C-alpha atoms as a PDB file:
ATOM      1  CA  MET A   1      94.381  91.307  89.394  1.00  0.00           C
ATOM      2  CA  ILE A   2      96.860  90.002  86.866  1.00  0.00           C
ATOM      3  CA  LEU A   3     100.556  91.538  87.454  1.00  0.00           C
ATOM      4  CA  ARG A   4     103.519  89.658  86.073  1.00  0.00           C
ATOM      5  CA  LEU A   5     107.179  90.656  85.943  1.00  0.00           C
ATOM      6  CA  ILE A   6     108.817  89.076  82.918  1.00  0.00           C
ATOM      7  CA  ILE A   7     112.298  88.763  82.138  1.00  0.00           C
ATOM      8  CA  GLU A   8     112.844  86.909  78.805  1.00  0.00           C
ATOM      9  CA  ASP A   9     116.823  86.139  79.361  1.00  0.00           C
ATOM     10  CA  ALA A  10     116.747  83.006  81.875  1.00  0.00           C
ATOM     11  CA  GLU A  11     120.220  83.387  82.803  1.00  0.00           C
ATOM     12  CA  MET A  12     119.852  87.236  83.682  1.00  0.00           C
ATOM     13  CA  ALA A  13     116.527  86.316  85.647  1.00  0.00           C
ATOM     14  CA  ARG A  14     118.328  83.496  87.704  1.00  0.00           C
ATOM     15  CA  SER A  15     121.270  86.063  88.258  1.00  0.00           C
ATOM     16  CA  ARG A  16     118.688  88.382  90.133  1.00  0.00           C
ATOM     17  CA  GLY A  17     117.269  85.448  91.830  1.00  0.00           C
ATOM     18  CA  LEU A  18     113.871  85.548  89.714  1.00  0.00           C
ATOM     19  CA  GLU A  19     112.294  83.408  87.295  1.00  0.00           C
ATOM     20  CA  THR A  20     111.557  84.309  83.747  1.00  0.00           C
ATOM     21  CA  VAL A  21     107.769  85.055  84.792  1.00  0.00           C
ATOM     22  CA  ASN A  22     107.307  86.162  88.400  1.00  0.00           C
ATOM     23  CA  GLU A  23     103.799  86.644  89.797  1.00  0.00           C
ATOM     24  CA  LEU A  24     103.699  89.798  91.741  1.00  0.00           C
ATOM     25  CA  VAL A  25     101.968  89.846  95.088  1.00  0.00           C
ATOM     26  CA  ASN A  26      99.626  92.628  96.129  1.00  0.00           C
ATOM     27  CA  ASN A  27     100.568  92.765  99.812  1.00  0.00           C
ATOM     28  CA  GLU A  28      97.245  94.048 101.452  1.00  0.00           C
ATOM     29  CA  SER A  29      98.628  94.409 104.849  1.00  0.00           C
ATOM     30  CA  PHE A  30     100.804  97.390 103.855  1.00  0.00           C
ATOM     31  CA  CYS A  31      97.956  98.820 101.861  1.00  0.00           C
ATOM     32  CA  ALA A  32      96.723 100.259 104.915  1.00  0.00           C
ATOM     33  CA  GLY A  33      99.659 102.361 105.413  1.00  0.00           C
ATOM     34  CA  SER A  34      99.364 106.132 105.495  1.00  0.00           C
ATOM     35  CA  THR A  35      99.118 106.590 101.954  1.00  0.00           C
ATOM     36  CA  GLY A  36      96.986 103.766 101.256  1.00  0.00           C
ATOM     37  CA  TYR A  37      98.566 102.750  97.896  1.00  0.00           C
ATOM     38  CA  PRO A  38      98.955  99.242  96.897  1.00  0.00           C
ATOM     39  CA  VAL A  39     102.253  97.400  97.322  1.00  0.00           C
ATOM     40  CA  PHE A  40     103.662  94.973  95.269  1.00  0.00           C
ATOM     41  CA  GLN A  41     106.288  92.391  96.120  1.00  0.00           C
ATOM     42  CA  LEU A  42     108.525  90.152  94.104  1.00  0.00           C
ATOM     43  CA  PRO A  43     108.687  86.437  94.848  1.00  0.00           C
ATOM     44  CA  ASP A  44     111.705  87.017  97.007  1.00  0.00           C
ATOM     45  CA  GLU A  45     109.427  89.463  99.241  1.00  0.00           C
ATOM     46  CA  GLU A  46     111.440  92.566  97.811  1.00  0.00           C
ATOM     47  CA  MET A  47     109.136  95.492  97.425  1.00  0.00           C
ATOM     48  CA  LEU A  48     108.694  96.574  93.541  1.00  0.00           C
ATOM     49  CA  ASP A  49     108.940 100.297  93.366  1.00  0.00           C
ATOM     50  CA  CYS A  50     109.776 102.657  90.325  1.00  0.00           C
ATOM     51  CA  PHE A  51     113.560 102.550  90.925  1.00  0.00           C
ATOM     52  CA  THR A  52     113.472  98.700  90.989  1.00  0.00           C
ATOM     53  CA  PHE A  53     111.331  98.076  87.983  1.00  0.00           C
ATOM     54  CA  ARG A  54     113.226 100.546  85.918  1.00  0.00           C
ATOM     55  CA  LYS A  55     116.716  99.266  86.979  1.00  0.00           C
ATOM     56  CA  LEU A  56     115.100  95.359  86.003  1.00  0.00           C
ATOM     57  CA  ARG A  57     113.862  96.884  82.781  1.00  0.00           C
ATOM     58  CA  ASP A  58     117.068  98.712  81.792  1.00  0.00           C
ATOM     59  CA  GLU A  59     119.394  96.088  83.001  1.00  0.00           C
ATOM     60  CA  CYS A  60     117.526  92.765  82.061  1.00  0.00           C
ATOM     61  CA  GLY A  61     114.916  93.811  79.554  1.00  0.00           C
ATOM     62  CA  ALA A  62     112.264  93.259  82.107  1.00  0.00           C
ATOM     63  CA  ARG A  63     108.727  93.982  81.535  1.00  0.00           C
ATOM     64  CA  ILE A  64     105.388  94.023  83.379  1.00  0.00           C
ATOM     65  CA  GLU A  65     101.982  92.576  82.214  1.00  0.00           C
ATOM     66  CA  THR A  66      98.896  93.698  83.900  1.00  0.00           C
ATOM     67  CA  ASN A  67      95.047  94.008  83.526  1.00  0.00           C
ATOM     68  CA  ASN A  68      94.756  96.836  86.151  1.00  0.00           C
ATOM     69  CA  LEU A  69      97.283  99.655  84.853  1.00  0.00           C
ATOM     70  CA  SER A  70      95.730 102.089  87.275  1.00  0.00           C
ATOM     71  CA  LYS A  71      96.396 100.017  90.460  1.00  0.00           C
ATOM     72  CA  LEU A  72     100.001  99.140  89.011  1.00  0.00           C
ATOM     73  CA  CYS A  73     100.738 102.758  88.629  1.00  0.00           C
ATOM     74  CA  MET A  74      99.476 103.970  92.023  1.00  0.00           C
ATOM     75  CA  GLY A  75     101.449 101.156  93.651  1.00  0.00           C
ATOM     76  CA  ILE A  76     105.028 101.676  92.025  1.00  0.00           C
ATOM     77  CA  GLY A  77     104.627 105.382  91.084  1.00  0.00           C
ATOM     78  CA  ILE A  78     105.099 105.144  87.358  1.00  0.00           C
ATOM     79  CA  PRO A  79     103.103 107.037  84.718  1.00  0.00           C
ATOM     80  CA  ARG A  80     100.565 105.248  82.709  1.00  0.00           C
ATOM     81  CA  ASP A  81     102.821 105.468  79.422  1.00  0.00           C
ATOM     82  CA  GLU A  82     105.763 103.978  81.213  1.00  0.00           C
ATOM     83  CA  PRO A  83     108.093 101.984  78.749  1.00  0.00           C
ATOM     84  CA  GLY A  84     107.891  97.903  79.403  1.00  0.00           C
ATOM     85  CA  VAL A  85     104.178  97.831  80.784  1.00  0.00           C
ATOM     86  CA  THR A  86     101.777  95.902  78.688  1.00  0.00           C
ATOM     87  CA  VAL A  87      98.031  95.966  79.614  1.00  0.00           C
ATOM     88  CA  ILE A  88      96.373  92.479  78.985  1.00  0.00           C
ATOM     89  CA  ASP A  89      92.760  91.445  78.819  1.00  0.00           C
END
């Protein structure tokens, strides 16, 4: 699965402790929880959820690239037409 958080502004990314391109980790150990939904982590091991993504998008211009929109939407709790998400092949 391809899942990248991208922040074009390098200074803004650094201020958040991130790179301009961040590969998100699908943490399988959390997937077996009560909900069974995938859990994604940023490189600093912070969980990526709807609130965190929207904050990064609104404050830093962050966007996500993925090749599995359904899994992303289930994992962070966003609708399929969420602004800032791009589906790639």
